[in-house]
Protein backbone atom coordinates (compact mmCIF):
# COMPACT_ATOMS: atom_id res chain seq x y z
CA MET A 1 0.07 0.01 0.16
CA LYS A 2 1.50 3.41 -0.93
CA THR A 3 1.66 5.57 1.64
CA ALA A 4 0.64 8.96 2.45
CA ARG A 5 3.95 10.62 1.85
CA ALA A 6 3.86 8.53 -1.69
CA LEU A 7 0.57 9.77 -2.43
CA LEU A 8 1.38 13.28 -1.69
CA THR A 9 4.49 13.80 -3.64
CA ALA A 10 2.48 11.46 -6.79
CA PHE A 11 -0.13 14.86 -6.69
CA MET A 12 2.72 17.60 -6.28
CA SER A 13 5.10 16.03 -8.96
CA ALA A 14 1.25 16.45 -11.57
CA ALA A 15 1.14 19.69 -10.30
CA VAL A 16 4.88 21.52 -10.38
CA ILE A 17 7.82 20.52 -12.45
CA SER A 18 10.77 22.23 -11.06
CA LEU A 19 14.38 21.86 -12.65
CA PRO A 20 17.60 21.63 -10.80
CA ALA A 21 20.36 24.01 -11.20
CA THR A 22 22.76 23.78 -13.52
CA ALA A 23 26.41 23.38 -12.79
CA GLY A 24 27.70 26.71 -14.31
CA ASN A 25 30.01 27.68 -16.26
CA GLU A 26 32.32 24.61 -15.34
CA THR A 27 35.11 24.45 -17.54
CA LEU A 28 34.93 21.59 -19.48
CA HIS A 29 37.50 19.61 -21.44
CA GLY A 30 37.68 17.78 -24.91
CA GLY A 31 34.95 16.66 -26.82
CA ALA A 32 34.86 16.37 -30.78
CA SER A 33 32.34 15.50 -33.48
CA VAL A 34 34.01 14.39 -36.75
CA SER A 35 32.09 13.22 -40.05
CA ASP A 36 33.26 11.57 -43.08
CA GLY A 37 30.03 10.88 -44.55
CA THR A 38 29.50 7.68 -44.08
CA SER A 39 30.59 7.45 -40.59
CA THR A 40 30.19 9.83 -37.69
CA LEU A 41 32.11 10.09 -34.36
CA ILE A 42 31.47 12.04 -31.50
CA THR A 43 33.29 12.11 -28.38
CA HIS A 44 32.38 13.92 -24.97
CA PRO A 45 33.56 16.29 -22.99
CA VAL A 46 34.60 16.19 -18.83
CA PRO A 47 33.90 18.47 -16.73
CA GLN A 48 37.06 20.22 -14.54
CA GLY A 49 36.91 18.65 -11.43
CA ILE A 50 36.22 15.02 -12.99
CA TYR A 51 39.05 15.54 -15.26
CA TYR A 52 41.47 15.65 -12.20
CA ALA A 53 39.83 13.32 -9.95
CA MET A 54 39.03 10.18 -11.99
CA HIS A 55 41.08 9.90 -14.50
CA ASN A 56 43.03 6.95 -14.77
CA ASP A 57 46.30 6.74 -17.03
CA ASP A 58 46.60 2.41 -17.39
CA TYR A 59 45.89 3.39 -20.87
CA THR A 60 45.98 5.69 -23.51
CA VAL A 61 42.97 5.39 -26.20
CA TYR A 62 42.04 6.87 -29.22
CA ALA A 63 39.41 6.69 -31.81
CA ARG A 64 38.79 7.86 -35.48
CA ILE A 65 36.57 7.18 -38.36
CA PRO A 66 39.03 4.92 -40.68
CA GLY A 67 41.48 7.12 -41.95
CA GLY A 68 40.77 9.84 -40.24
CA GLU A 69 42.52 11.97 -37.52
CA TRP A 70 43.14 10.35 -33.98
CA GLN A 71 40.31 11.85 -31.34
CA ASP A 72 41.95 11.44 -27.97
CA LEU A 73 39.49 9.55 -25.45
CA TYR A 74 39.52 10.76 -21.65
CA GLU A 75 40.43 7.15 -19.64
CA TYR A 76 37.90 6.91 -16.26
CA LYS A 77 38.99 5.20 -13.09
CA VAL A 78 36.29 3.10 -12.30
CA LYS A 79 36.37 0.93 -9.05
CA VAL A 80 35.72 -2.90 -9.55
CA ASN A 81 35.45 -6.54 -7.33
CA MET A 82 34.72 -6.27 -3.64
CA ASP A 83 36.70 -9.15 -2.93
CA SER A 84 39.87 -7.53 -4.24
CA PRO A 85 39.64 -3.54 -4.67
CA SER A 86 41.01 -2.74 -7.89
CA GLU A 87 40.92 0.32 -10.07
CA ALA A 88 39.98 -0.45 -13.78
CA SER A 89 39.49 1.84 -16.56
CA MET A 90 36.47 3.01 -18.98
CA VAL A 91 35.99 4.72 -22.14
CA TYR A 92 32.67 5.95 -24.31
CA PHE A 93 31.49 7.68 -27.22
CA ASP A 94 29.27 7.59 -30.17
CA PHE A 95 29.50 6.76 -33.75
CA LYS A 96 27.88 5.26 -36.56
CA GLY A 97 29.15 3.48 -39.62
CA GLU A 98 32.50 2.35 -38.62
CA VAL A 99 35.41 3.18 -35.88
CA GLU A 100 38.88 2.55 -35.17
CA ILE A 101 40.19 2.15 -31.79
CA MET A 102 43.73 2.38 -30.84
CA VAL A 103 44.63 1.13 -27.03
CA LYS A 104 48.42 1.64 -25.68
CA LYS A 105 48.64 -0.15 -22.62
CA ASN A 106 50.98 2.58 -20.35
CA ASN A 107 52.26 0.16 -17.88
CA GLY A 108 54.15 -3.28 -18.11
CA ILE A 109 54.81 -5.32 -21.27
CA ALA A 110 51.67 -6.51 -23.09
CA HIS A 111 52.14 -10.30 -24.02
CA GLU A 112 48.48 -10.77 -24.87
CA ALA A 113 45.03 -9.06 -25.38
CA GLU A 114 41.37 -10.63 -25.24
CA ILE A 115 38.26 -8.35 -26.19
CA ARG A 116 35.28 -9.71 -24.43
CA PRO A 117 32.31 -10.75 -24.69
CA LEU A 118 34.39 -13.10 -27.09
CA SER A 119 31.03 -13.97 -29.05
CA ARG A 120 31.73 -11.04 -30.72
CA GLY A 121 34.69 -12.50 -33.03
CA ILE A 122 36.20 -9.12 -32.59
CA ARG A 123 39.65 -8.88 -34.91
CA SER A 124 42.45 -6.85 -33.27
CA ARG A 125 46.20 -6.57 -33.64
CA LEU A 126 48.78 -6.13 -30.91
CA LYS A 127 52.36 -5.00 -31.47
CA ASP A 128 54.69 -3.16 -29.06
CA ASN A 129 51.80 -2.49 -26.28
CA ILE A 130 49.49 -1.24 -28.67
CA LEU A 131 46.36 -2.92 -29.64
CA THR A 132 44.09 -1.96 -32.71
CA PHE A 133 40.78 -3.15 -33.51
CA THR A 134 37.56 -2.04 -35.68
CA LEU A 135 34.13 -1.59 -34.16
CA SER A 136 31.31 -1.83 -36.99
CA ARG A 137 28.15 -0.62 -34.98
CA PRO A 138 28.08 0.26 -31.28
CA GLN A 139 28.60 -2.18 -28.73
CA ASN A 140 30.36 -2.54 -24.87
CA ILE A 141 33.42 -4.44 -24.23
CA SER A 142 36.08 -5.44 -22.15
CA VAL A 143 39.72 -4.90 -23.19
CA GLU A 144 42.36 -7.32 -21.17
CA PHE A 145 45.94 -7.45 -21.58
CA ASN A 146 47.85 -10.35 -20.12
CA GLY A 147 44.89 -12.25 -18.50
CA ASP A 148 43.66 -8.83 -15.95
CA LYS A 149 40.45 -8.47 -15.70
CA HIS A 150 41.12 -6.16 -12.47
CA HIS A 151 42.59 -3.52 -14.12
CA ASN A 152 40.63 -3.59 -17.74
CA LEU A 153 39.64 -1.38 -19.93
CA HIS A 154 35.84 -0.77 -20.97
CA ILE A 155 34.76 0.31 -23.85
CA PHE A 156 30.88 1.59 -24.18
CA THR A 157 29.48 3.21 -27.39
CA ASN A 158 26.26 4.48 -27.86
CA PRO A 159 24.50 5.22 -30.81
CA LEU A 160 23.74 9.33 -32.65
CA GLU A 161 21.30 10.74 -30.09
CA ASN A 162 18.37 12.04 -31.63
CA ASN A 163 15.67 14.38 -31.06
CA VAL A 164 17.36 16.28 -28.27
CA PRO A 165 16.00 18.32 -26.12
CA SER A 166 16.42 21.70 -24.82
CA PRO A 167 16.56 23.06 -21.29
CA ASP A 168 13.66 25.33 -21.87
CA ASP A 169 11.52 22.78 -23.58
CA GLU A 170 8.34 22.10 -21.46
CA GLY A 171 8.37 19.03 -19.08
CA VAL A 172 12.42 18.79 -19.40
CA MET A 173 14.29 17.95 -15.87
CA TYR A 174 18.09 19.04 -17.92
CA PHE A 175 21.42 18.39 -16.88
CA ALA A 176 23.43 20.65 -18.24
CA ALA A 177 27.20 19.86 -19.07
CA GLY A 178 29.00 20.29 -15.20
CA THR A 179 28.53 18.16 -11.78
CA HIS A 180 25.34 18.40 -10.17
CA THR A 181 25.06 17.51 -6.75
CA PRO A 182 20.89 17.39 -4.93
CA GLU A 183 20.07 19.71 -2.40
CA LYS A 184 21.64 19.60 1.02
CA GLY A 185 19.47 16.86 3.26
CA GLU A 186 18.42 15.43 -0.40
CA ASP A 187 20.23 12.12 -1.60
CA GLY A 188 19.02 12.67 -5.10
CA PHE A 189 16.70 14.42 -7.57
CA ARG A 190 13.06 13.76 -7.46
CA ILE A 191 11.38 13.22 -10.60
CA PRO A 192 7.89 14.31 -11.45
CA SER A 193 5.45 12.40 -13.23
CA GLY A 194 5.22 13.52 -17.48
CA THR A 195 9.33 14.50 -16.99
CA ARG A 196 12.15 14.01 -19.72
CA VAL A 197 15.16 13.59 -18.01
CA TYR A 198 18.11 14.56 -20.18
CA LEU A 199 21.81 13.99 -18.72
CA ALA A 200 23.54 16.53 -21.57
CA PRO A 201 27.15 15.39 -22.55
CA GLY A 202 29.49 16.01 -20.15
CA SER A 203 27.11 16.37 -17.13
CA VAL A 204 27.83 14.27 -14.16
CA VAL A 205 25.35 13.48 -11.58
CA LYS A 206 26.06 12.87 -7.75
CA GLY A 207 22.75 11.60 -6.55
CA THR A 208 20.30 9.51 -7.60
CA LEU A 209 17.14 10.12 -9.85
CA ILE A 210 14.18 9.19 -8.12
CA CYS A 211 10.75 8.66 -8.90
CA ASP A 212 8.23 7.65 -6.85
CA SER A 213 4.70 7.21 -7.37
CA VAL A 214 4.93 8.99 -10.94
CA LYS A 215 4.34 7.78 -14.30
CA ASN A 216 5.58 8.56 -18.11
CA VAL A 217 9.29 9.58 -17.44
CA SER A 218 11.89 8.88 -19.38
CA ILE A 219 15.70 9.12 -18.41
CA GLY A 220 18.46 9.39 -21.03
CA GLY A 221 21.32 11.31 -22.36
CA ARG A 222 25.47 11.11 -22.60
CA GLY A 223 25.78 12.02 -18.86
CA LEU A 224 27.06 10.02 -15.66
CA LEU A 225 25.89 9.19 -12.63
CA VAL A 226 28.65 9.42 -10.41
CA THR A 227 28.71 7.69 -6.61
CA PRO A 228 24.70 7.84 -5.92
CA GLN A 229 23.54 6.13 -2.99
CA ARG A 230 21.53 4.27 -5.59
CA GLY A 231 21.47 5.12 -9.42
CA ILE A 232 17.88 5.34 -10.22
CA GLN A 233 14.67 4.18 -8.11
CA ALA A 234 11.61 3.41 -9.74
CA THR A 235 8.73 2.85 -6.80
CA TYR A 236 5.12 3.04 -7.02
CA SER A 237 5.34 3.94 -10.27
CA GLU A 238 4.59 3.38 -14.00
CA ASN A 239 5.93 3.98 -18.10
CA ILE A 240 9.50 4.37 -16.95
CA SER A 241 11.89 4.17 -19.30
CA VAL A 242 16.50 4.10 -19.23
CA GLU A 243 18.57 4.54 -21.99
CA ASP A 244 22.17 5.05 -22.35
CA ILE A 245 23.16 6.12 -18.95
CA ILE A 246 26.49 5.14 -17.59
CA VAL A 247 26.73 4.94 -13.58
CA VAL A 248 29.55 4.57 -11.94
CA ASN A 249 30.37 3.39 -8.60
CA PRO A 250 26.64 3.77 -6.51
CA ARG A 251 26.64 2.33 -3.21
CA HIS A 252 23.87 0.27 -3.31
CA TYR A 253 21.69 -0.44 -6.28
CA THR A 254 22.26 0.71 -10.04
CA PHE A 255 18.36 0.40 -10.59
CA LEU A 256 15.57 -0.02 -8.46
CA GLY A 257 12.21 -1.22 -9.03
CA GLY A 258 9.66 -1.34 -6.15
CA GLN A 259 5.79 -2.49 -6.56
CA SER A 260 6.15 -0.82 -10.50
CA ARG A 261 5.30 -1.60 -13.88
CA GLY A 262 5.91 -0.97 -17.34
CA ILE A 263 9.43 -0.35 -17.30
CA THR A 264 12.13 -0.24 -19.76
CA ILE A 265 15.78 -0.19 -19.25
CA ARG A 266 18.18 0.03 -22.99
CA ASN A 267 22.29 0.47 -22.46
CA LEU A 268 22.35 0.83 -19.38
CA ARG A 269 25.65 0.49 -18.32
CA SER A 270 27.09 -0.05 -14.33
CA PHE A 271 30.14 -0.42 -12.04
CA SER A 272 29.71 -1.23 -8.65
CA TYR A 273 32.50 -2.83 -5.68
CA GLN A 274 30.93 -2.72 -2.27
CA GLY A 275 28.51 -5.11 -0.61
CA TRP A 276 24.91 -5.19 -1.39
CA SER A 277 25.54 -2.73 -4.93
CA ASP A 278 23.95 -4.88 -7.50
CA GLY A 279 22.76 -4.15 -10.76
CA ILE A 280 19.29 -4.12 -11.53
CA ASP A 281 17.27 -5.29 -8.74
CA VAL A 282 13.21 -5.58 -9.21
CA MET A 283 10.21 -6.98 -6.31
CA SER A 284 6.85 -7.00 -6.51
CA SER A 285 6.74 -5.21 -10.44
CA ARG A 286 5.68 -6.64 -13.58
CA ASP A 287 5.76 -5.64 -17.37
CA ILE A 288 9.74 -5.31 -17.59
CA LEU A 289 12.16 -5.04 -20.33
CA VAL A 290 15.85 -4.88 -19.60
CA ASP A 291 17.93 -4.85 -23.33
CA ASN A 292 21.19 -4.60 -24.49
CA VAL A 293 22.80 -3.60 -20.48
CA PHE A 294 26.86 -4.23 -19.35
CA MET A 295 26.46 -4.86 -15.37
CA ARG A 296 29.91 -5.02 -13.39
CA ASN A 297 28.75 -5.67 -9.97
CA SER A 298 29.83 -6.38 -6.66
CA ASP A 299 26.82 -8.13 -6.12
CA ASP A 300 24.25 -9.85 -8.00
CA CYS A 301 24.16 -8.21 -11.51
CA ILE A 302 19.95 -8.82 -12.37
CA ALA A 303 17.99 -9.84 -9.20
CA VAL A 304 14.09 -10.77 -9.98
CA TYR A 305 12.34 -10.80 -6.37
CA GLY A 306 8.66 -11.02 -4.97
CA PRO A 307 7.79 -8.36 -2.01
CA ARG A 308 10.63 -6.70 -0.10
CA TRP A 309 10.49 -4.03 2.49
CA ASP A 310 7.13 -2.51 1.60
CA TYR A 311 6.67 -3.32 -1.58
CA ARG A 312 3.70 -5.85 -2.65
CA GLY A 313 2.14 -7.95 -4.89
CA ASP A 314 3.26 -10.56 -7.75
CA THR A 315 6.44 -10.27 -9.75
CA ARG A 316 5.94 -11.80 -13.56
CA ASN A 317 6.41 -10.37 -17.62
CA ILE A 318 10.14 -9.75 -17.36
CA THR A 319 12.66 -10.15 -19.84
CA VAL A 320 16.89 -9.37 -20.12
CA GLN A 321 18.22 -10.06 -23.36
CA ASN A 322 20.83 -9.16 -25.59
CA SER A 323 23.09 -8.37 -22.42
CA VAL A 324 26.77 -8.64 -20.79
CA LEU A 325 26.74 -9.35 -17.08
CA TRP A 326 30.04 -9.52 -14.83
CA ALA A 327 29.43 -10.62 -11.42
CA ASP A 328 32.67 -10.10 -9.30
CA ILE A 329 30.80 -11.27 -6.67
CA ALA A 330 27.69 -13.44 -6.25
CA HIS A 331 25.25 -14.39 -9.48
CA PRO A 332 24.99 -12.46 -12.68
CA MET A 333 21.14 -13.81 -12.29
CA ASN A 334 19.47 -14.25 -9.50
CA MET A 335 15.78 -14.75 -8.36
CA GLY A 336 13.30 -15.47 -5.80
CA ILE A 337 14.81 -15.46 -2.48
CA HIS A 338 12.44 -12.73 -1.02
CA GLY A 339 8.85 -12.55 -0.29
CA TYR A 340 5.79 -11.98 2.01
CA THR A 341 4.58 -14.04 4.10
CA GLY A 342 2.51 -12.38 6.60
CA ASP A 343 -0.60 -13.17 4.83
CA GLY A 344 0.29 -17.13 4.83
CA VAL A 345 -0.49 -17.28 0.89
CA GLY A 346 2.88 -16.06 -0.47
CA ASN A 347 3.44 -14.73 -4.04
CA THR A 348 4.03 -15.58 -7.78
CA ILE A 349 7.14 -15.14 -9.80
CA GLU A 350 6.32 -16.02 -13.07
CA ASN A 351 6.96 -15.26 -17.03
CA ILE A 352 10.89 -14.64 -16.69
CA THR A 353 13.21 -14.98 -19.72
CA PHE A 354 16.82 -14.39 -19.67
CA ARG A 355 17.89 -14.47 -23.54
CA ASN A 356 21.12 -13.95 -25.69
CA ILE A 357 23.03 -12.93 -22.45
CA ASP A 358 27.16 -13.47 -21.97
CA VAL A 359 28.33 -14.02 -18.39
CA LEU A 360 31.65 -12.59 -18.15
CA GLU A 361 32.34 -13.84 -14.53
CA HIS A 362 30.87 -15.62 -11.97
CA ASP A 363 32.32 -16.01 -8.40
CA GLU A 364 30.96 -16.83 -4.94
CA ASP A 365 32.61 -18.99 -2.57
CA ASP A 366 29.63 -19.16 0.09
CA PRO A 367 28.00 -22.36 -1.07
CA GLU A 368 24.61 -21.10 0.19
CA TYR A 369 24.56 -18.36 -2.45
CA ARG A 370 26.35 -19.97 -5.37
CA GLY A 371 24.88 -20.15 -9.33
CA CYS A 372 25.42 -18.32 -12.19
CA MET A 373 21.70 -18.95 -13.02
CA ALA A 374 20.09 -19.41 -9.75
CA ILE A 375 16.72 -19.65 -8.59
CA CYS A 376 16.22 -19.98 -4.56
CA CYS A 377 12.45 -20.04 -4.24
CA GLY A 378 12.01 -18.94 -0.17
CA ASP A 379 9.46 -16.58 1.22
CA MET A 380 6.36 -18.90 0.09
CA ASN A 381 7.47 -17.85 -3.20
CA HIS A 382 6.03 -19.73 -6.03
CA ILE A 383 8.49 -19.68 -9.05
CA ARG A 384 6.93 -20.82 -12.51
CA ASN A 385 7.72 -20.23 -16.37
CA ILE A 386 11.35 -19.36 -16.28
CA LEU A 387 13.28 -19.24 -19.48
CA TYR A 388 17.28 -19.34 -19.67
CA GLU A 389 17.81 -19.00 -23.19
CA ASP A 390 21.33 -18.57 -25.16
CA ILE A 391 23.19 -18.14 -22.19
CA ARG A 392 27.46 -17.99 -23.23
CA VAL A 393 29.25 -18.29 -19.97
CA GLU A 394 32.67 -17.68 -20.64
CA ARG A 395 34.56 -17.76 -16.79
CA ILE A 396 33.44 -18.95 -13.50
CA GLU A 397 35.90 -18.43 -10.75
CA GLU A 398 34.38 -20.10 -8.05
CA GLY A 399 30.33 -21.12 -8.58
CA GLN A 400 27.85 -23.32 -9.97
CA LEU A 401 26.69 -23.01 -13.92
CA PHE A 402 22.94 -24.02 -12.01
CA HIS A 403 21.10 -23.97 -8.59
CA VAL A 404 17.70 -24.54 -8.36
CA GLU A 405 16.17 -24.90 -5.07
CA VAL A 406 13.18 -24.21 -2.80
CA VAL A 407 15.05 -23.03 0.69
CA PHE A 408 14.67 -22.12 3.81
CA ASN A 409 17.24 -19.67 4.43
CA SER A 410 17.30 -18.21 7.79
CA LYS A 411 19.00 -14.91 6.97
CA TYR A 412 16.59 -13.49 4.31
CA CYS A 413 13.83 -16.05 4.92
CA SER A 414 10.90 -16.10 7.78
CA ALA A 415 9.68 -19.28 5.81
CA PRO A 416 10.42 -22.06 2.84
CA GLY A 417 9.27 -21.18 -0.39
CA ASN A 418 6.93 -22.84 -1.89
CA SER A 419 7.34 -24.04 -5.10
CA VAL A 420 9.87 -24.34 -8.62
CA SER A 421 8.14 -25.48 -11.79
CA GLY A 422 8.39 -24.96 -15.43
CA VAL A 423 11.82 -24.04 -15.74
CA THR A 424 13.87 -24.36 -19.20
CA PHE A 425 17.90 -24.32 -19.82
CA ARG A 426 18.31 -24.31 -23.54
CA ASN A 427 21.47 -23.53 -26.12
CA ILE A 428 23.74 -22.61 -22.47
CA THR A 429 27.41 -22.97 -23.21
CA CYS A 430 30.33 -23.00 -20.43
CA PRO A 431 33.90 -23.81 -21.06
CA PHE A 432 35.78 -26.70 -19.13
CA ILE A 433 36.64 -25.70 -15.64
CA PRO A 434 38.84 -28.12 -13.66
CA ASP A 435 37.00 -27.00 -10.12
CA LEU A 436 33.62 -25.90 -10.84
CA LYS A 437 31.13 -26.71 -8.13
CA PRO A 438 28.62 -29.08 -9.24
CA SER A 439 25.09 -27.81 -10.14
CA SER A 440 22.07 -28.09 -7.28
CA LEU A 441 18.83 -29.10 -7.99
CA LYS A 442 16.88 -29.50 -5.08
CA GLY A 443 12.92 -29.62 -3.81
CA TYR A 444 12.69 -28.49 0.41
CA ASP A 445 9.87 -31.35 0.84
CA ALA A 446 7.31 -33.69 -0.64
CA ASP A 447 5.32 -30.61 -0.81
CA ARG A 448 7.51 -28.02 -1.60
CA THR A 449 9.37 -29.45 -4.86
CA VAL A 450 11.09 -28.69 -8.22
CA ASN A 451 9.12 -29.78 -10.89
CA ASN A 452 9.05 -30.10 -14.58
CA VAL A 453 12.99 -28.55 -15.62
CA VAL A 454 14.31 -29.35 -19.22
CA PHE A 455 17.94 -28.87 -19.67
CA ASP A 456 17.83 -28.55 -23.54
CA ASN A 457 21.12 -28.23 -25.53
CA VAL A 458 23.51 -27.19 -22.45
CA ARG A 459 27.27 -27.99 -23.92
CA ILE A 460 29.83 -27.93 -20.70
CA GLY A 461 33.70 -27.91 -22.14
CA GLY A 462 32.12 -28.74 -25.99
CA ARG A 463 30.16 -31.44 -24.35
CA LYS A 464 26.70 -32.05 -24.39
CA MET A 465 24.96 -32.20 -21.54
CA LYS A 466 23.11 -36.16 -20.83
CA GLY A 467 22.11 -36.64 -17.15
CA LEU A 468 22.20 -34.98 -14.23
CA GLY A 469 25.62 -36.20 -13.67
CA ASN A 470 26.99 -35.55 -10.73
CA ALA A 471 24.82 -32.58 -9.74
CA ASP A 472 23.59 -32.33 -5.95
CA THR A 473 19.93 -33.17 -5.89
CA ASN A 474 17.66 -34.75 -3.81
CA GLU A 475 14.25 -36.60 -4.04
CA PHE A 476 12.46 -34.03 -4.10
CA ILE A 477 12.77 -33.29 -7.93
CA GLU A 478 10.45 -34.38 -10.06
CA ASN A 479 10.15 -34.72 -14.04
CA ILE A 480 13.75 -33.28 -15.28
CA THR A 481 14.72 -33.81 -18.48
CA VAL A 482 17.81 -34.08 -20.44
CA LYS A 483 17.70 -33.70 -24.15
């Protein structure tokens, strides 16, 4: 149930739009637009306060239209990996057509380089510590020298912008180039209904974008959210879209969806390195599309739950697709541990699809919390109609490939889950990993089972799965099919 505060917020939001103060005439560095009539490259400026505070000189990175003049990119410092906190690098720009990229490794000798996800098949040339390659479409990739995943370079690219708003347009909350912080006593910027939020190139926003009890909000642009408490919050809200934003090291979630519906998230990129700094978490929400995101987090990259905290209701109709997930800690894909038991009935989590996903890392040393694709059904939840399709796992440092259980976790649950049914794993690939922990498939008791699970064309180390093998199972599983 919505609180009186939330209802008042919704009323006030519908009546008044107040734009945040801009950053003034802050000095900006860089930014260029070049075109040869076929290809276009746009790089973005950096505010002075960020220019000196966030630079990482591990790499020098350039981009150009083929045959054109090299454009120097700003290499952002981003923190990753809670277990071994490290400073990685990130660059970003917009383009259409083709773009050539040159990366110079500044420290040590580059013996080898890898561009991931491997499924992209990007060819490169390494000579004298300089890596060169070409991109023919916008995408999000990781460049790793000598197998170093902790100090790698992330390259994020966007399509060219269309329909860029003006600061004076009605219904626009415009963050101009420069640094923006919330008013004293606030941890973010509250967004009214019917608002287009635009982060202009060169804008850096240091606060949460809060959609609370609102409708019809779009958030996009070429700016950054830097070290907010949360990146973007959509609670008790409807018809919220997020596109092309980069969130750097939020303290907690990159995106929180609570008791909301009609959410679209495209090309969202994120880094986190602290505990409980999940990527995208949704609770008691429905009708959600997550498309083409890159989540590198020190907790779950994507988490789908039933009720939690004050959020109530079932969770259904969620699709995550065409994305890259990198869980330095915990799960790339997690589901089901949280729910509501106060009514003695429980809730349903259903119609959830993960499709065309590249998993770059899964690392979890706690046996209770493992699983690259994890369903941990607790708190009287019913979980059903779940599809994992075309999932390419590249690396598991420690953990399991599959974890499907009805559980009672005393740390997070007040009761066991009720059931898991109708789960399909189709076209799943994982390399041979010598110390990969056995996958888990368990019900809780005779009344709380895991049933109707299909493994269809699952290949580990190039070999097709033919049975449950050494999987950790119990007697409370039914109708398991391997084909």
